[in-house]
Amino acid sequence: MARQNRTKFSQIAILFMLTLGVLSVIVSAFYASSFLAILGGAIIFWGAILLYITPSKHVPLTLLNASAEAAAANIERLISELNLSEKGVYLPPKNLKNIDSSLVFIPETLKTPLPTPEETNEKLLTNEKTGAFITPPGSALSRLFEEELGFSFTKTDLNQIQNKLPKLLVEDMELAENAEIQIQGNTVTLEITGSILNEICRQTDSQPKTHKQVGCLLSSAIVCALAKATGKPITIQNETRNQETKTTHIEYEILEG
């Protein structure tokens, strides 16, 4: 009964989230606000993702694919308008005002220092306008991972990520047929086969800046976890898909900072 009540509450919260996203998009049309449009699109997308992953699984993947394409296009447009070409840096808790949140910082240049916690507020740009902040595509999914595991990634380490996350993806949440995480120095690689998110992530491939600088739903969700667990900034170095084997290979780099 408790599980049923929790599921019902989760569905109500997700439906509220979807409603909030729709309202944000509507308001953006009246005020010509690209920020509200991007925010509303992101909220709708992640609400649909969470609704699909709940036990009832109401939402068909075709709807999620369409939502993913719109979300990726909005991120692509934002990066292009700001003329940012460097890889996005997933910030660790020490650089965040809210240590339980996740944020991608896209710097103006390679030498741009990471922002202070005070800068990571609701603004789109840093105080000196040396980079932009983007809510990670995988932030909501990463929080769902934490809920399923029963602990925050800020209270774990890289070894636990390596041991527990593949099992979560394959056995507990049934999001993939197989998953393996390898750690070598400052490089972390994820190889995942038969992911139900594969088609959704392919939508990001058609948005080159988003694909290269921010990542797709899955790669972003994993790097959110890695940044919290390591306490260090992390970038997605490479993400490739083999359609024949249905395998995705993602390479992350742990930065010093």
Protein backbone atom coordinates (compact mmCIF):
# COMPACT_ATOMS: atom_id res chain seq x y z
CA MET A 1 0.00 0.00 0.00
CA ALA A 2 2.83 2.40 0.85
CA ARG A 3 4.45 1.72 -2.51
CA GLN A 4 1.14 2.34 -4.29
CA ASN A 5 0.68 5.63 -2.45
CA ARG A 6 4.25 6.65 -3.29
CA THR A 7 3.69 5.78 -6.95
CA LYS A 8 0.44 7.78 -7.01
CA PHE A 9 2.14 10.75 -5.36
CA SER A 10 5.00 10.54 -7.88
CA GLN A 11 2.57 10.56 -10.78
CA ILE A 12 0.75 13.61 -9.36
CA ALA A 13 4.08 15.42 -8.94
CA ILE A 14 5.10 14.55 -12.50
CA LEU A 15 1.78 15.76 -13.91
CA PHE A 16 2.26 19.02 -11.99
CA MET A 17 5.73 19.24 -13.52
CA LEU A 18 4.29 18.80 -17.02
CA THR A 19 1.66 21.46 -16.37
CA LEU A 20 4.31 23.88 -15.12
CA GLY A 21 6.36 23.27 -18.27
CA VAL A 22 3.39 23.97 -20.56
CA LEU A 23 2.59 27.19 -18.68
CA SER A 24 6.23 28.32 -18.99
CA VAL A 25 6.11 27.85 -22.75
CA ILE A 26 2.81 29.76 -22.99
CA VAL A 27 4.13 32.65 -20.88
CA SER A 28 7.31 32.77 -22.99
CA ALA A 29 5.20 33.43 -26.07
CA PHE A 30 3.65 36.51 -24.45
CA TYR A 31 6.91 37.94 -23.13
CA ALA A 32 9.18 36.79 -25.99
CA SER A 33 11.43 35.08 -23.46
CA SER A 34 13.80 32.46 -24.91
CA PHE A 35 14.84 31.54 -21.36
CA LEU A 36 11.27 30.61 -20.39
CA ALA A 37 10.82 28.72 -23.66
CA ILE A 38 13.96 26.66 -23.01
CA LEU A 39 13.05 26.12 -19.37
CA GLY A 40 9.49 25.10 -20.22
CA GLY A 41 10.63 22.70 -22.92
CA ALA A 42 13.12 21.10 -20.56
CA ILE A 43 10.50 20.68 -17.82
CA ILE A 44 8.05 19.06 -20.24
CA PHE A 45 10.73 16.69 -21.52
CA TRP A 46 11.89 15.52 -18.10
CA GLY A 47 8.34 15.21 -16.86
CA ALA A 48 7.60 12.90 -19.78
CA ILE A 49 10.78 10.92 -19.08
CA LEU A 50 9.85 10.37 -15.44
CA LEU A 51 6.27 9.46 -16.34
CA TYR A 52 7.55 6.84 -18.75
CA ILE A 53 9.93 5.30 -16.22
CA THR A 54 7.27 4.98 -13.47
CA PRO A 55 5.70 1.51 -13.21
CA SER A 56 2.61 2.45 -15.22
CA LYS A 57 4.77 3.53 -18.20
CA HIS A 58 1.98 5.53 -19.84
CA VAL A 59 4.09 7.51 -22.27
CA PRO A 60 5.18 5.94 -25.57
CA LEU A 61 8.80 6.36 -26.60
CA THR A 62 7.70 8.21 -29.73
CA LEU A 63 6.48 11.07 -27.51
CA LEU A 64 9.75 11.09 -25.59
CA ASN A 65 11.70 11.12 -28.85
CA ALA A 66 9.81 14.20 -30.00
CA SER A 67 10.36 15.90 -26.64
CA ALA A 68 14.06 15.03 -26.68
CA GLU A 69 14.48 16.52 -30.13
CA ALA A 70 12.88 19.79 -29.02
CA ALA A 71 14.96 19.97 -25.83
CA ALA A 72 18.21 19.31 -27.71
CA ALA A 73 17.29 21.93 -30.33
CA ASN A 74 16.73 24.55 -27.62
CA ILE A 75 20.13 23.83 -26.03
CA GLU A 76 21.71 23.94 -29.49
CA ARG A 77 20.14 27.33 -30.19
CA LEU A 78 21.28 28.73 -26.85
CA ILE A 79 24.90 27.61 -27.33
CA SER A 80 24.92 28.98 -30.88
CA GLU A 81 23.47 32.35 -29.87
CA LEU A 82 26.11 32.75 -27.16
CA ASN A 83 28.84 31.61 -29.58
CA LEU A 84 30.35 29.14 -27.11
CA SER A 85 32.56 26.39 -28.50
CA GLU A 86 34.24 24.79 -25.45
CA LYS A 87 33.08 21.56 -23.86
CA GLY A 88 30.60 21.89 -21.05
CA VAL A 89 32.01 21.24 -17.59
CA TYR A 90 29.74 19.38 -15.17
CA LEU A 91 30.34 21.18 -11.88
CA PRO A 92 31.05 19.36 -8.60
CA PRO A 93 29.15 20.20 -5.38
CA LYS A 94 31.87 22.58 -4.15
CA ASN A 95 31.15 24.89 -7.10
CA LEU A 96 27.38 24.85 -6.63
CA LYS A 97 25.16 26.97 -4.44
CA ASN A 98 22.89 23.94 -4.04
CA ILE A 99 25.19 20.93 -3.60
CA ASP A 100 22.41 18.46 -4.38
CA SER A 101 21.76 20.00 -7.79
CA SER A 102 23.61 19.55 -11.09
CA LEU A 103 24.81 22.21 -13.51
CA VAL A 104 26.80 22.40 -16.74
CA PHE A 105 29.12 25.36 -17.17
CA ILE A 106 30.14 26.17 -20.75
CA PRO A 107 33.18 28.47 -20.55
CA GLU A 108 34.10 31.13 -23.06
CA THR A 109 37.69 29.82 -23.29
CA LEU A 110 39.71 26.90 -21.96
CA LYS A 111 41.40 29.22 -19.45
CA THR A 112 38.13 30.50 -18.00
CA PRO A 113 38.10 29.70 -14.26
CA LEU A 114 35.25 27.66 -12.85
CA PRO A 115 32.46 29.70 -11.25
CA THR A 116 32.10 30.17 -7.52
CA PRO A 117 29.02 28.82 -5.71
CA GLU A 118 27.66 32.38 -5.48
CA GLU A 119 27.63 32.63 -9.27
CA THR A 120 25.62 29.46 -9.77
CA ASN A 121 22.28 31.05 -9.05
CA GLU A 122 19.34 31.50 -11.41
CA LYS A 123 21.33 33.52 -13.95
CA LEU A 124 22.14 32.22 -17.39
CA LEU A 125 25.60 33.85 -17.53
CA THR A 126 28.41 34.34 -15.02
CA ASN A 127 28.87 37.74 -13.42
CA GLU A 128 31.66 38.58 -15.87
CA LYS A 129 29.79 36.94 -18.77
CA THR A 130 32.65 34.45 -19.27
CA GLY A 131 30.39 31.46 -19.70
CA ALA A 132 26.87 30.10 -19.51
CA PHE A 133 25.03 27.75 -17.17
CA ILE A 134 22.74 25.03 -18.50
CA THR A 135 20.62 22.60 -16.56
CA PRO A 136 21.96 19.17 -17.60
CA PRO A 137 19.70 17.09 -19.85
CA GLY A 138 20.18 14.17 -17.47
CA SER A 139 19.71 15.96 -14.15
CA ALA A 140 16.21 14.59 -13.48
CA LEU A 141 17.21 11.07 -14.48
CA SER A 142 20.27 11.25 -12.24
CA ARG A 143 18.07 12.25 -9.30
CA LEU A 144 15.86 9.26 -10.10
CA PHE A 145 18.96 7.05 -9.90
CA GLU A 146 19.62 8.45 -6.43
CA GLU A 147 16.05 7.76 -5.36
CA GLU A 148 16.23 4.17 -6.59
CA LEU A 149 19.61 3.57 -4.93
CA GLY A 150 18.50 5.18 -1.69
CA PHE A 151 21.41 7.61 -1.29
CA SER A 152 22.82 10.81 -2.73
CA PHE A 153 25.78 10.59 -5.07
CA THR A 154 27.41 13.29 -2.94
CA LYS A 155 27.70 10.66 -0.19
CA THR A 156 29.35 7.97 -2.28
CA ASP A 157 32.56 7.48 -4.26
CA LEU A 158 33.73 6.41 -7.70
CA ASN A 159 34.08 2.75 -6.75
CA GLN A 160 30.46 2.56 -5.61
CA ILE A 161 29.39 4.20 -8.85
CA GLN A 162 31.32 1.56 -10.77
CA ASN A 163 29.79 -1.29 -8.79
CA LYS A 164 26.21 -0.18 -8.26
CA LEU A 165 25.21 1.93 -11.26
CA PRO A 166 25.45 -0.85 -13.90
CA LYS A 167 23.28 -3.13 -11.76
CA LEU A 168 20.77 -0.32 -11.32
CA LEU A 169 20.58 0.30 -15.07
CA VAL A 170 20.30 -3.36 -16.05
CA GLU A 171 18.57 -5.26 -13.24
CA ASP A 172 16.69 -2.76 -11.12
CA MET A 173 15.39 -0.24 -13.65
CA GLU A 174 15.70 -2.44 -16.76
CA LEU A 175 16.95 0.46 -18.86
CA ALA A 176 19.56 -1.65 -20.67
CA GLU A 177 20.59 -5.22 -21.44
CA ASN A 178 24.16 -4.76 -20.26
CA ALA A 179 26.28 -1.96 -18.77
CA GLU A 180 29.91 -1.75 -17.67
CA ILE A 181 31.95 1.09 -16.18
CA GLN A 182 35.75 1.15 -16.41
CA ILE A 183 38.09 3.54 -14.58
CA GLN A 184 41.63 4.27 -15.74
CA GLY A 185 43.37 7.25 -14.20
CA ASN A 186 41.25 10.33 -14.87
CA THR A 187 39.22 8.58 -17.56
CA VAL A 188 35.90 6.87 -16.90
CA THR A 189 34.21 4.89 -19.68
CA LEU A 190 30.68 3.54 -19.86
CA GLU A 191 29.70 0.86 -22.35
CA ILE A 192 26.00 0.16 -22.44
CA THR A 193 24.13 -2.23 -24.72
CA GLY A 194 20.44 -2.44 -25.57
CA SER A 195 19.47 0.78 -23.82
CA ILE A 196 15.83 1.79 -24.17
CA LEU A 197 17.11 5.38 -24.21
CA ASN A 198 19.23 4.78 -27.30
CA GLU A 199 16.71 6.20 -29.75
CA ILE A 200 16.12 9.21 -27.51
CA CYS A 201 19.86 9.88 -27.31
CA ARG A 202 20.18 9.64 -31.07
CA GLN A 203 18.09 12.79 -31.27
CA THR A 204 21.03 14.67 -29.77
CA ASP A 205 23.37 13.44 -32.51
CA SER A 206 21.64 15.73 -35.00
CA GLN A 207 22.46 18.71 -32.75
CA PRO A 208 26.29 18.81 -33.02
CA LYS A 209 26.98 21.44 -30.36
CA THR A 210 24.66 19.82 -27.83
CA HIS A 211 26.11 16.39 -28.57
CA LYS A 212 29.71 17.55 -28.22
CA GLN A 213 29.42 20.08 -25.40
CA VAL A 214 26.59 18.84 -23.16
CA GLY A 215 25.71 15.24 -24.06
CA CYS A 216 22.45 13.34 -24.34
CA LEU A 217 20.02 12.15 -21.67
CA LEU A 218 22.01 9.06 -20.68
CA SER A 219 25.56 10.42 -20.87
CA SER A 220 24.45 13.53 -19.00
CA ALA A 221 22.73 11.57 -16.22
CA ILE A 222 25.85 9.48 -15.63
CA VAL A 223 28.19 12.49 -15.55
CA CYS A 224 25.91 14.24 -13.04
CA ALA A 225 26.50 11.24 -10.76
CA LEU A 226 30.25 11.21 -11.43
CA ALA A 227 30.68 14.92 -10.62
CA LYS A 228 28.92 14.45 -7.28
CA ALA A 229 30.79 11.25 -6.39
CA THR A 230 34.28 12.47 -7.30
CA GLY A 231 33.81 16.05 -6.11
CA LYS A 232 35.59 17.20 -9.27
CA PRO A 233 34.56 18.86 -12.54
CA ILE A 234 33.98 16.42 -15.39
CA THR A 235 33.55 16.66 -19.15
CA ILE A 236 32.11 14.25 -21.69
CA GLN A 237 35.01 13.61 -24.05
CA ASN A 238 33.39 11.26 -26.52
CA GLU A 239 30.08 9.54 -27.16
CA THR A 240 29.60 7.07 -29.99
CA ARG A 241 26.89 4.60 -30.94
CA ASN A 242 27.09 1.33 -32.87
CA GLN A 243 23.68 0.71 -34.38
CA GLU A 244 24.47 -2.87 -35.35
CA THR A 245 25.38 -3.97 -31.82
CA LYS A 246 23.09 -1.38 -30.16
CA THR A 247 26.05 -0.37 -28.01
CA THR A 248 26.88 3.14 -26.79
CA HIS A 249 30.41 4.00 -25.69
CA ILE A 250 30.85 7.13 -23.56
CA GLU A 251 34.15 8.51 -22.31
CA TYR A 252 34.40 11.01 -19.45
CA GLU A 253 37.41 12.98 -18.19
CA ILE A 254 37.84 13.94 -14.54
CA LEU A 255 39.41 17.40 -14.37
CA GLU A 256 41.49 18.96 -11.63
CA GLY A 257 39.80 21.96 -10.13
